[in-house]
Amino acid sequence: TFNAQLPSKNWLKQVELPFLEFLG
């Protein structure tokens, strides 16, 4: 998702990243 969203101006704001799942 990092790579896929890099073109976006609102990087990381338009997606749900599994931060909570990875970090627990």
mmCIF file of all heavy atoms, coordinates in Angstrom:
data_MODEL
# 
_entry.id   MODEL 
# 
loop_
_atom_site.group_PDB 
_atom_site.id 
_atom_site.type_symbol 
_atom_site.label_atom_id 
_atom_site.label_alt_id 
_atom_site.label_comp_id 
_atom_site.label_asym_id 
_atom_site.label_entity_id 
_atom_site.label_seq_id 
_atom_site.pdbx_PDB_ins_code 
_atom_site.Cartn_x 
_atom_site.Cartn_y 
_atom_site.Cartn_z 
_atom_site.occupancy 
_atom_site.B_iso_or_equiv 
_atom_site.pdbx_formal_charge 
_atom_site.auth_seq_id 
_atom_site.auth_comp_id 
_atom_site.auth_asym_id 
_atom_site.auth_atom_id 
_atom_site.pdbx_PDB_model_num 
ATOM 1   N N   . THR A 1 1  ? 0.825  -1.208 0.000  1.00 0.00 ? 1  THR A N   1 
ATOM 2   C CA  . THR A 1 1  ? 0.000  0.000  0.000  1.00 0.00 ? 1  THR A CA  1 
ATOM 3   C C   . THR A 1 1  ? 0.857  1.255  0.000  1.00 0.00 ? 1  THR A C   1 
ATOM 4   O O   . THR A 1 1  ? 0.494  2.263  -0.616 1.00 0.00 ? 1  THR A O   1 
ATOM 5   C CB  . THR A 1 1  ? -0.934 0.002  1.222  1.00 0.00 ? 1  THR A CB  1 
ATOM 6   O OG1 . THR A 1 1  ? -1.668 -1.225 1.250  1.00 0.00 ? 1  THR A OG1 1 
ATOM 7   C CG2 . THR A 1 1  ? -1.911 1.162  1.165  1.00 0.00 ? 1  THR A CG2 1 
ATOM 8   N N   . PHE A 1 2  ? 1.997  1.215  0.701  1.00 0.00 ? 2  PHE A N   1 
ATOM 9   C CA  . PHE A 1 2  ? 2.915  2.353  0.684  1.00 0.00 ? 2  PHE A CA  1 
ATOM 10  C C   . PHE A 1 2  ? 3.232  2.741  -0.760 1.00 0.00 ? 2  PHE A C   1 
ATOM 11  O O   . PHE A 1 2  ? 3.091  3.902  -1.166 1.00 0.00 ? 2  PHE A O   1 
ATOM 12  C CB  . PHE A 1 2  ? 4.218  2.002  1.392  1.00 0.00 ? 2  PHE A CB  1 
ATOM 13  C CG  . PHE A 1 2  ? 4.114  1.986  2.887  1.00 0.00 ? 2  PHE A CG  1 
ATOM 14  C CD1 . PHE A 1 2  ? 5.131  1.480  3.651  1.00 0.00 ? 2  PHE A CD1 1 
ATOM 15  C CD2 . PHE A 1 2  ? 2.988  2.468  3.525  1.00 0.00 ? 2  PHE A CD2 1 
ATOM 16  C CE1 . PHE A 1 2  ? 5.041  1.450  5.038  1.00 0.00 ? 2  PHE A CE1 1 
ATOM 17  C CE2 . PHE A 1 2  ? 2.881  2.451  4.903  1.00 0.00 ? 2  PHE A CE2 1 
ATOM 18  C CZ  . PHE A 1 2  ? 3.921  1.939  5.651  1.00 0.00 ? 2  PHE A CZ  1 
ATOM 19  N N   . ASN A 1 3  ? 3.674  1.755  -1.549 1.00 0.00 ? 3  ASN A N   1 
ATOM 20  C CA  . ASN A 1 3  ? 4.064  2.026  -2.933 1.00 0.00 ? 3  ASN A CA  1 
ATOM 21  C C   . ASN A 1 3  ? 2.870  2.432  -3.784 1.00 0.00 ? 3  ASN A C   1 
ATOM 22  O O   . ASN A 1 3  ? 2.955  3.346  -4.607 1.00 0.00 ? 3  ASN A O   1 
ATOM 23  C CB  . ASN A 1 3  ? 4.744  0.797  -3.539 1.00 0.00 ? 3  ASN A CB  1 
ATOM 24  C CG  . ASN A 1 3  ? 6.122  0.552  -2.964 1.00 0.00 ? 3  ASN A CG  1 
ATOM 25  O OD1 . ASN A 1 3  ? 6.783  1.486  -2.516 1.00 0.00 ? 3  ASN A OD1 1 
ATOM 26  N ND2 . ASN A 1 3  ? 6.550  -0.689 -2.946 1.00 0.00 ? 3  ASN A ND2 1 
ATOM 27  N N   . ALA A 1 4  ? 1.739  1.727  -3.568 1.00 0.00 ? 4  ALA A N   1 
ATOM 28  C CA  . ALA A 1 4  ? 0.565  2.005  -4.401 1.00 0.00 ? 4  ALA A CA  1 
ATOM 29  C C   . ALA A 1 4  ? 0.001  3.395  -4.147 1.00 0.00 ? 4  ALA A C   1 
ATOM 30  O O   . ALA A 1 4  ? -0.548 4.025  -5.052 1.00 0.00 ? 4  ALA A O   1 
ATOM 31  C CB  . ALA A 1 4  ? -0.512 0.950  -4.151 1.00 0.00 ? 4  ALA A CB  1 
ATOM 32  N N   . GLN A 1 5  ? 0.131  3.893  -2.913 1.00 0.00 ? 5  GLN A N   1 
ATOM 33  C CA  . GLN A 1 5  ? -0.460 5.178  -2.554 1.00 0.00 ? 5  GLN A CA  1 
ATOM 34  C C   . GLN A 1 5  ? 0.497  6.352  -2.685 1.00 0.00 ? 5  GLN A C   1 
ATOM 35  O O   . GLN A 1 5  ? 0.093  7.494  -2.469 1.00 0.00 ? 5  GLN A O   1 
ATOM 36  C CB  . GLN A 1 5  ? -0.979 5.118  -1.117 1.00 0.00 ? 5  GLN A CB  1 
ATOM 37  C CG  . GLN A 1 5  ? -2.204 4.248  -0.953 1.00 0.00 ? 5  GLN A CG  1 
ATOM 38  C CD  . GLN A 1 5  ? -3.397 4.788  -1.717 1.00 0.00 ? 5  GLN A CD  1 
ATOM 39  O OE1 . GLN A 1 5  ? -3.671 5.977  -1.716 1.00 0.00 ? 5  GLN A OE1 1 
ATOM 40  N NE2 . GLN A 1 5  ? -4.096 3.908  -2.403 1.00 0.00 ? 5  GLN A NE2 1 
ATOM 41  N N   . LEU A 1 6  ? 1.761  6.086  -3.022 1.00 0.00 ? 6  LEU A N   1 
ATOM 42  C CA  . LEU A 1 6  ? 2.711  7.186  -3.138 1.00 0.00 ? 6  LEU A CA  1 
ATOM 43  C C   . LEU A 1 6  ? 2.296  8.240  -4.164 1.00 0.00 ? 6  LEU A C   1 
ATOM 44  O O   . LEU A 1 6  ? 2.564  9.423  -3.973 1.00 0.00 ? 6  LEU A O   1 
ATOM 45  C CB  . LEU A 1 6  ? 4.106  6.642  -3.478 1.00 0.00 ? 6  LEU A CB  1 
ATOM 46  C CG  . LEU A 1 6  ? 4.889  6.106  -2.281 1.00 0.00 ? 6  LEU A CG  1 
ATOM 47  C CD1 . LEU A 1 6  ? 6.163  5.440  -2.742 1.00 0.00 ? 6  LEU A CD1 1 
ATOM 48  C CD2 . LEU A 1 6  ? 5.213  7.201  -1.291 1.00 0.00 ? 6  LEU A CD2 1 
ATOM 49  N N   . PRO A 1 7  ? 1.641  7.859  -5.283 1.00 0.00 ? 7  PRO A N   1 
ATOM 50  C CA  . PRO A 1 7  ? 1.204  8.905  -6.217 1.00 0.00 ? 7  PRO A CA  1 
ATOM 51  C C   . PRO A 1 7  ? 0.130  9.828  -5.655 1.00 0.00 ? 7  PRO A C   1 
ATOM 52  O O   . PRO A 1 7  ? -0.082 10.908 -6.172 1.00 0.00 ? 7  PRO A O   1 
ATOM 53  C CB  . PRO A 1 7  ? 0.656  8.095  -7.409 1.00 0.00 ? 7  PRO A CB  1 
ATOM 54  C CG  . PRO A 1 7  ? 1.281  6.759  -7.287 1.00 0.00 ? 7  PRO A CG  1 
ATOM 55  C CD  . PRO A 1 7  ? 1.444  6.516  -5.831 1.00 0.00 ? 7  PRO A CD  1 
ATOM 56  N N   . SER A 1 8  ? -0.567 9.382  -4.621 1.00 0.00 ? 8  SER A N   1 
ATOM 57  C CA  . SER A 1 8  ? -1.685 10.162 -4.094 1.00 0.00 ? 8  SER A CA  1 
ATOM 58  C C   . SER A 1 8  ? -1.184 11.357 -3.286 1.00 0.00 ? 8  SER A C   1 
ATOM 59  O O   . SER A 1 8  ? -0.222 11.251 -2.531 1.00 0.00 ? 8  SER A O   1 
ATOM 60  C CB  . SER A 1 8  ? -2.573 9.274  -3.223 1.00 0.00 ? 8  SER A CB  1 
ATOM 61  O OG  . SER A 1 8  ? -3.556 10.025 -2.584 1.00 0.00 ? 8  SER A OG  1 
ATOM 62  N N   . LYS A 1 9  ? -1.867 12.469 -3.433 1.00 0.00 ? 9  LYS A N   1 
ATOM 63  C CA  . LYS A 1 9  ? -1.519 13.650 -2.629 1.00 0.00 ? 9  LYS A CA  1 
ATOM 64  C C   . LYS A 1 9  ? -1.872 13.436 -1.164 1.00 0.00 ? 9  LYS A C   1 
ATOM 65  O O   . LYS A 1 9  ? -1.187 13.921 -0.283 1.00 0.00 ? 9  LYS A O   1 
ATOM 66  C CB  . LYS A 1 9  ? -2.233 14.880 -3.187 1.00 0.00 ? 9  LYS A CB  1 
ATOM 67  C CG  . LYS A 1 9  ? -1.734 15.295 -4.566 1.00 0.00 ? 9  LYS A CG  1 
ATOM 68  C CD  . LYS A 1 9  ? -2.427 16.554 -5.043 1.00 0.00 ? 9  LYS A CD  1 
ATOM 69  C CE  . LYS A 1 9  ? -1.899 16.982 -6.398 1.00 0.00 ? 9  LYS A CE  1 
ATOM 70  N NZ  . LYS A 1 9  ? -2.562 18.205 -6.906 1.00 0.00 ? 9  LYS A NZ  1 
ATOM 71  N N   . ASN A 1 10 ? -2.974 12.720 -0.916 1.00 0.00 ? 10 ASN A N   1 
ATOM 72  C CA  . ASN A 1 10 ? -3.366 12.410 0.460  1.00 0.00 ? 10 ASN A CA  1 
ATOM 73  C C   . ASN A 1 10 ? -2.869 11.014 0.813  1.00 0.00 ? 10 ASN A C   1 
ATOM 74  O O   . ASN A 1 10 ? -3.638 10.089 1.035  1.00 0.00 ? 10 ASN A O   1 
ATOM 75  C CB  . ASN A 1 10 ? -4.889 12.498 0.600  1.00 0.00 ? 10 ASN A CB  1 
ATOM 76  C CG  . ASN A 1 10 ? -5.401 13.884 0.347  1.00 0.00 ? 10 ASN A CG  1 
ATOM 77  O OD1 . ASN A 1 10 ? -4.784 14.861 0.756  1.00 0.00 ? 10 ASN A OD1 1 
ATOM 78  N ND2 . ASN A 1 10 ? -6.530 13.981 -0.334 1.00 0.00 ? 10 ASN A ND2 1 
ATOM 79  N N   . TRP A 1 11 ? -1.555 10.884 0.848  1.00 0.00 ? 11 TRP A N   1 
ATOM 80  C CA  . TRP A 1 11 ? -0.929 9.579  1.079  1.00 0.00 ? 11 TRP A CA  1 
ATOM 81  C C   . TRP A 1 11 ? -1.405 8.984  2.392  1.00 0.00 ? 11 TRP A C   1 
ATOM 82  O O   . TRP A 1 11 ? -1.387 9.641  3.429  1.00 0.00 ? 11 TRP A O   1 
ATOM 83  C CB  . TRP A 1 11 ? 0.586  9.747  1.071  1.00 0.00 ? 11 TRP A CB  1 
ATOM 84  C CG  . TRP A 1 11 ? 1.358  8.468  1.109  1.00 0.00 ? 11 TRP A CG  1 
ATOM 85  C CD1 . TRP A 1 11 ? 1.182  7.392  0.305  1.00 0.00 ? 11 TRP A CD1 1 
ATOM 86  C CD2 . TRP A 1 11 ? 2.431  8.158  1.996  1.00 0.00 ? 11 TRP A CD2 1 
ATOM 87  N NE1 . TRP A 1 11 ? 2.087  6.424  0.632  1.00 0.00 ? 11 TRP A NE1 1 
ATOM 88  C CE2 . TRP A 1 11 ? 2.864  6.862  1.665  1.00 0.00 ? 11 TRP A CE2 1 
ATOM 89  C CE3 . TRP A 1 11 ? 3.078  8.832  3.033  1.00 0.00 ? 11 TRP A CE3 1 
ATOM 90  C CZ2 . TRP A 1 11 ? 3.910  6.237  2.324  1.00 0.00 ? 11 TRP A CZ2 1 
ATOM 91  C CZ3 . TRP A 1 11 ? 4.111  8.215  3.691  1.00 0.00 ? 11 TRP A CZ3 1 
ATOM 92  C CH2 . TRP A 1 11 ? 4.527  6.936  3.336  1.00 0.00 ? 11 TRP A CH2 1 
ATOM 93  N N   . LEU A 1 12 ? -1.851 7.704  2.336  1.00 0.00 ? 12 LEU A N   1 
ATOM 94  C CA  . LEU A 1 12 ? -2.264 6.910  3.491  1.00 0.00 ? 12 LEU A CA  1 
ATOM 95  C C   . LEU A 1 12 ? -3.597 7.330  4.099  1.00 0.00 ? 12 LEU A C   1 
ATOM 96  O O   . LEU A 1 12 ? -4.117 6.629  4.954  1.00 0.00 ? 12 LEU A O   1 
ATOM 97  C CB  . LEU A 1 12 ? -1.202 6.937  4.606  1.00 0.00 ? 12 LEU A CB  1 
ATOM 98  C CG  . LEU A 1 12 ? 0.210  6.527  4.219  1.00 0.00 ? 12 LEU A CG  1 
ATOM 99  C CD1 . LEU A 1 12 ? 1.093  6.512  5.450  1.00 0.00 ? 12 LEU A CD1 1 
ATOM 100 C CD2 . LEU A 1 12 ? 0.226  5.181  3.546  1.00 0.00 ? 12 LEU A CD2 1 
ATOM 101 N N   . LYS A 1 13 ? -4.179 8.448  3.679  1.00 0.00 ? 13 LYS A N   1 
ATOM 102 C CA  . LYS A 1 13 ? -5.432 8.894  4.287  1.00 0.00 ? 13 LYS A CA  1 
ATOM 103 C C   . LYS A 1 13 ? -6.650 8.230  3.657  1.00 0.00 ? 13 LYS A C   1 
ATOM 104 O O   . LYS A 1 13 ? -7.706 8.189  4.263  1.00 0.00 ? 13 LYS A O   1 
ATOM 105 C CB  . LYS A 1 13 ? -5.577 10.412 4.179  1.00 0.00 ? 13 LYS A CB  1 
ATOM 106 C CG  . LYS A 1 13 ? -4.693 11.173 5.164  1.00 0.00 ? 13 LYS A CG  1 
ATOM 107 C CD  . LYS A 1 13 ? -5.043 12.640 5.186  1.00 0.00 ? 13 LYS A CD  1 
ATOM 108 C CE  . LYS A 1 13 ? -4.257 13.375 6.257  1.00 0.00 ? 13 LYS A CE  1 
ATOM 109 N NZ  . LYS A 1 13 ? -4.599 14.802 6.328  1.00 0.00 ? 13 LYS A NZ  1 
ATOM 110 N N   . GLN A 1 14 ? -6.496 7.712  2.441  1.00 0.00 ? 14 GLN A N   1 
ATOM 111 C CA  . GLN A 1 14 ? -7.641 7.173  1.722  1.00 0.00 ? 14 GLN A CA  1 
ATOM 112 C C   . GLN A 1 14 ? -7.748 5.656  1.833  1.00 0.00 ? 14 GLN A C   1 
ATOM 113 O O   . GLN A 1 14 ? -8.571 5.037  1.182  1.00 0.00 ? 14 GLN A O   1 
ATOM 114 C CB  . GLN A 1 14 ? -7.552 7.581  0.244  1.00 0.00 ? 14 GLN A CB  1 
ATOM 115 C CG  . GLN A 1 14 ? -7.522 9.082  0.038  1.00 0.00 ? 14 GLN A CG  1 
ATOM 116 C CD  . GLN A 1 14 ? -7.281 9.458  -1.404 1.00 0.00 ? 14 GLN A CD  1 
ATOM 117 O OE1 . GLN A 1 14 ? -6.906 8.638  -2.219 1.00 0.00 ? 14 GLN A OE1 1 
ATOM 118 N NE2 . GLN A 1 14 ? -7.500 10.715 -1.729 1.00 0.00 ? 14 GLN A NE2 1 
ATOM 119 N N   . VAL A 1 15 ? -6.910 5.030  2.645  1.00 0.00 ? 15 VAL A N   1 
ATOM 120 C CA  . VAL A 1 15 ? -6.902 3.577  2.725  1.00 0.00 ? 15 VAL A CA  1 
ATOM 121 C C   . VAL A 1 15 ? -6.927 3.138  4.188  1.00 0.00 ? 15 VAL A C   1 
ATOM 122 O O   . VAL A 1 15 ? -6.592 3.899  5.087  1.00 0.00 ? 15 VAL A O   1 
ATOM 123 C CB  . VAL A 1 15 ? -5.650 2.993  2.035  1.00 0.00 ? 15 VAL A CB  1 
ATOM 124 C CG1 . VAL A 1 15 ? -5.691 3.247  0.550  1.00 0.00 ? 15 VAL A CG1 1 
ATOM 125 C CG2 . VAL A 1 15 ? -4.381 3.577  2.635  1.00 0.00 ? 15 VAL A CG2 1 
ATOM 126 N N   . GLU A 1 16 ? -7.307 1.890  4.382  1.00 0.00 ? 16 GLU A N   1 
ATOM 127 C CA  . GLU A 1 16 ? -7.251 1.279  5.702  1.00 0.00 ? 16 GLU A CA  1 
ATOM 128 C C   . GLU A 1 16 ? -6.036 0.363  5.749  1.00 0.00 ? 16 GLU A C   1 
ATOM 129 O O   . GLU A 1 16 ? -6.018 -0.685 5.112  1.00 0.00 ? 16 GLU A O   1 
ATOM 130 C CB  . GLU A 1 16 ? -8.533 0.487  5.982  1.00 0.00 ? 16 GLU A CB  1 
ATOM 131 C CG  . GLU A 1 16 ? -9.694 1.334  6.442  1.00 0.00 ? 16 GLU A CG  1 
ATOM 132 C CD  . GLU A 1 16 ? -9.427 2.038  7.765  1.00 0.00 ? 16 GLU A CD  1 
ATOM 133 O OE1 . GLU A 1 16 ? -8.749 1.458  8.626  1.00 0.00 ? 16 GLU A OE1 1 
ATOM 134 O OE2 . GLU A 1 16 ? -9.884 3.184  7.918  1.00 0.00 ? 16 GLU A OE2 1 
ATOM 135 N N   . LEU A 1 17 ? -5.018 0.768  6.473  1.00 0.00 ? 17 LEU A N   1 
ATOM 136 C CA  . LEU A 1 17 ? -3.805 -0.029 6.585  1.00 0.00 ? 17 LEU A CA  1 
ATOM 137 C C   . LEU A 1 17 ? -3.886 -0.934 7.820  1.00 0.00 ? 17 LEU A C   1 
ATOM 138 O O   . LEU A 1 17 ? -4.401 -0.512 8.859  1.00 0.00 ? 17 LEU A O   1 
ATOM 139 C CB  . LEU A 1 17 ? -2.581 0.889  6.709  1.00 0.00 ? 17 LEU A CB  1 
ATOM 140 C CG  . LEU A 1 17 ? -2.187 1.615  5.426  1.00 0.00 ? 17 LEU A CG  1 
ATOM 141 C CD1 . LEU A 1 17 ? -1.156 2.687  5.729  1.00 0.00 ? 17 LEU A CD1 1 
ATOM 142 C CD2 . LEU A 1 17 ? -1.635 0.651  4.403  1.00 0.00 ? 17 LEU A CD2 1 
ATOM 143 N N   . PRO A 1 18 ? -3.366 -2.164 7.718  1.00 0.00 ? 18 PRO A N   1 
ATOM 144 C CA  . PRO A 1 18 ? -3.433 -3.096 8.867  1.00 0.00 ? 18 PRO A CA  1 
ATOM 145 C C   . PRO A 1 18 ? -2.367 -2.819 9.917  1.00 0.00 ? 18 PRO A C   1 
ATOM 146 O O   . PRO A 1 18 ? -1.660 -3.728 10.353 1.00 0.00 ? 18 PRO A O   1 
ATOM 147 C CB  . PRO A 1 18 ? -3.238 -4.460 8.193  1.00 0.00 ? 18 PRO A CB  1 
ATOM 148 C CG  . PRO A 1 18 ? -2.400 -4.178 6.996  1.00 0.00 ? 18 PRO A CG  1 
ATOM 149 C CD  . PRO A 1 18 ? -2.820 -2.815 6.507  1.00 0.00 ? 18 PRO A CD  1 
ATOM 150 N N   . PHE A 1 19 ? -2.228 -1.548 10.323 1.00 0.00 ? 19 PHE A N   1 
ATOM 151 C CA  . PHE A 1 19 ? -1.268 -1.203 11.372 1.00 0.00 ? 19 PHE A CA  1 
ATOM 152 C C   . PHE A 1 19 ? -1.601 -1.940 12.670 1.00 0.00 ? 19 PHE A C   1 
ATOM 153 O O   . PHE A 1 19 ? -0.733 -2.510 13.328 1.00 0.00 ? 19 PHE A O   1 
ATOM 154 C CB  . PHE A 1 19 ? -1.280 0.304  11.641 1.00 0.00 ? 19 PHE A CB  1 
ATOM 155 C CG  . PHE A 1 19 ? -0.502 1.101  10.630 1.00 0.00 ? 19 PHE A CG  1 
ATOM 156 C CD1 . PHE A 1 19 ? -0.864 2.406  10.322 1.00 0.00 ? 19 PHE A CD1 1 
ATOM 157 C CD2 . PHE A 1 19 ? 0.589  0.564  9.991  1.00 0.00 ? 19 PHE A CD2 1 
ATOM 158 C CE1 . PHE A 1 19 ? -0.151 3.145  9.399  1.00 0.00 ? 19 PHE A CE1 1 
ATOM 159 C CE2 . PHE A 1 19 ? 1.314  1.292  9.069  1.00 0.00 ? 19 PHE A CE2 1 
ATOM 160 C CZ  . PHE A 1 19 ? 0.934  2.585  8.765  1.00 0.00 ? 19 PHE A CZ  1 
ATOM 161 N N   . LEU A 1 20 ? -2.889 -1.909 13.041 1.00 0.00 ? 20 LEU A N   1 
ATOM 162 C CA  . LEU A 1 20 ? -3.296 -2.507 14.308 1.00 0.00 ? 20 LEU A CA  1 
ATOM 163 C C   . LEU A 1 20 ? -3.090 -4.021 14.295 1.00 0.00 ? 20 LEU A C   1 
ATOM 164 O O   . LEU A 1 20 ? -2.695 -4.605 15.304 1.00 0.00 ? 20 LEU A O   1 
ATOM 165 C CB  . LEU A 1 20 ? -4.763 -2.182 14.598 1.00 0.00 ? 20 LEU A CB  1 
ATOM 166 C CG  . LEU A 1 20 ? -5.125 -0.693 14.680 1.00 0.00 ? 20 LEU A CG  1 
ATOM 167 C CD1 . LEU A 1 20 ? -6.585 -0.520 15.057 1.00 0.00 ? 20 LEU A CD1 1 
ATOM 168 C CD2 . LEU A 1 20 ? -4.229 0.034  15.670 1.00 0.00 ? 20 LEU A CD2 1 
ATOM 169 N N   . GLU A 1 21 ? -3.343 -4.662 13.138 1.00 0.00 ? 21 GLU A N   1 
ATOM 170 C CA  . GLU A 1 21 ? -3.154 -6.100 13.046 1.00 0.00 ? 21 GLU A CA  1 
ATOM 171 C C   . GLU A 1 21 ? -1.676 -6.461 13.149 1.00 0.00 ? 21 GLU A C   1 
ATOM 172 O O   . GLU A 1 21 ? -1.311 -7.442 13.804 1.00 0.00 ? 21 GLU A O   1 
ATOM 173 C CB  . GLU A 1 21 ? -3.722 -6.629 11.725 1.00 0.00 ? 21 GLU A CB  1 
ATOM 174 C CG  . GLU A 1 21 ? -5.230 -6.608 11.638 1.00 0.00 ? 21 GLU A CG  1 
ATOM 175 C CD  . GLU A 1 21 ? -5.790 -5.242 11.286 1.00 0.00 ? 21 GLU A CD  1 
ATOM 176 O OE1 . GLU A 1 21 ? -4.985 -4.280 11.203 1.00 0.00 ? 21 GLU A OE1 1 
ATOM 177 O OE2 . GLU A 1 21 ? -7.012 -5.122 11.100 1.00 0.00 ? 21 GLU A OE2 1 
ATOM 178 N N   . PHE A 1 22 ? -0.822 -5.667 12.519 1.00 0.00 ? 22 PHE A N   1 
ATOM 179 C CA  . PHE A 1 22 ? 0.609  -5.975 12.552 1.00 0.00 ? 22 PHE A CA  1 
ATOM 180 C C   . PHE A 1 22 ? 1.214  -5.708 13.928 1.00 0.00 ? 22 PHE A C   1 
ATOM 181 O O   . PHE A 1 22 ? 1.996  -6.508 14.445 1.00 0.00 ? 22 PHE A O   1 
ATOM 182 C CB  . PHE A 1 22 ? 1.340  -5.142 11.493 1.00 0.00 ? 22 PHE A CB  1 
ATOM 183 C CG  . PHE A 1 22 ? 2.832  -5.334 11.504 1.00 0.00 ? 22 PHE A CG  1 
ATOM 184 C CD1 . PHE A 1 22 ? 3.395  -6.528 11.097 1.00 0.00 ? 22 PHE A CD1 1 
ATOM 185 C CD2 . PHE A 1 22 ? 3.667  -4.320 11.948 1.00 0.00 ? 22 PHE A CD2 1 
ATOM 186 C CE1 . PHE A 1 22 ? 4.771  -6.718 11.119 1.00 0.00 ? 22 PHE A CE1 1 
ATOM 187 C CE2 . PHE A 1 22 ? 5.039  -4.487 11.976 1.00 0.00 ? 22 PHE A CE2 1 
ATOM 188 C CZ  . PHE A 1 22 ? 5.595  -5.697 11.551 1.00 0.00 ? 22 PHE A CZ  1 
ATOM 189 N N   . LEU A 1 23 ? 0.840  -4.603 14.524 1.00 0.00 ? 23 LEU A N   1 
ATOM 190 C CA  . LEU A 1 23 ? 1.408  -4.239 15.814 1.00 0.00 ? 23 LEU A CA  1 
ATOM 191 C C   . LEU A 1 23 ? 0.685  -4.897 16.990 1.00 0.00 ? 23 LEU A C   1 
ATOM 192 O O   . LEU A 1 23 ? 1.249  -4.991 18.083 1.00 0.00 ? 23 LEU A O   1 
ATOM 193 C CB  . LEU A 1 23 ? 1.355  -2.710 15.992 1.00 0.00 ? 23 LEU A CB  1 
ATOM 194 C CG  . LEU A 1 23 ? 2.211  -1.893 15.022 1.00 0.00 ? 23 LEU A CG  1 
ATOM 195 C CD1 . LEU A 1 23 ? 1.919  -0.407 15.188 1.00 0.00 ? 23 LEU A CD1 1 
ATOM 196 C CD2 . LEU A 1 23 ? 3.689  -2.165 15.242 1.00 0.00 ? 23 LEU A CD2 1 
ATOM 197 N N   . GLY A 1 24 ? -0.547 -5.354 16.763 1.00 0.00 ? 24 GLY A N   1 
ATOM 198 C CA  . GLY A 1 24 ? -1.319 -5.930 17.851 1.00 0.00 ? 24 GLY A CA  1 
ATOM 199 C C   . GLY A 1 24 ? -1.715 -4.897 18.888 1.00 0.00 ? 24 GLY A C   1 
ATOM 200 O O   . GLY A 1 24 ? -1.760 -5.190 20.083 1.00 0.00 ? 24 GLY A O   1 
# 
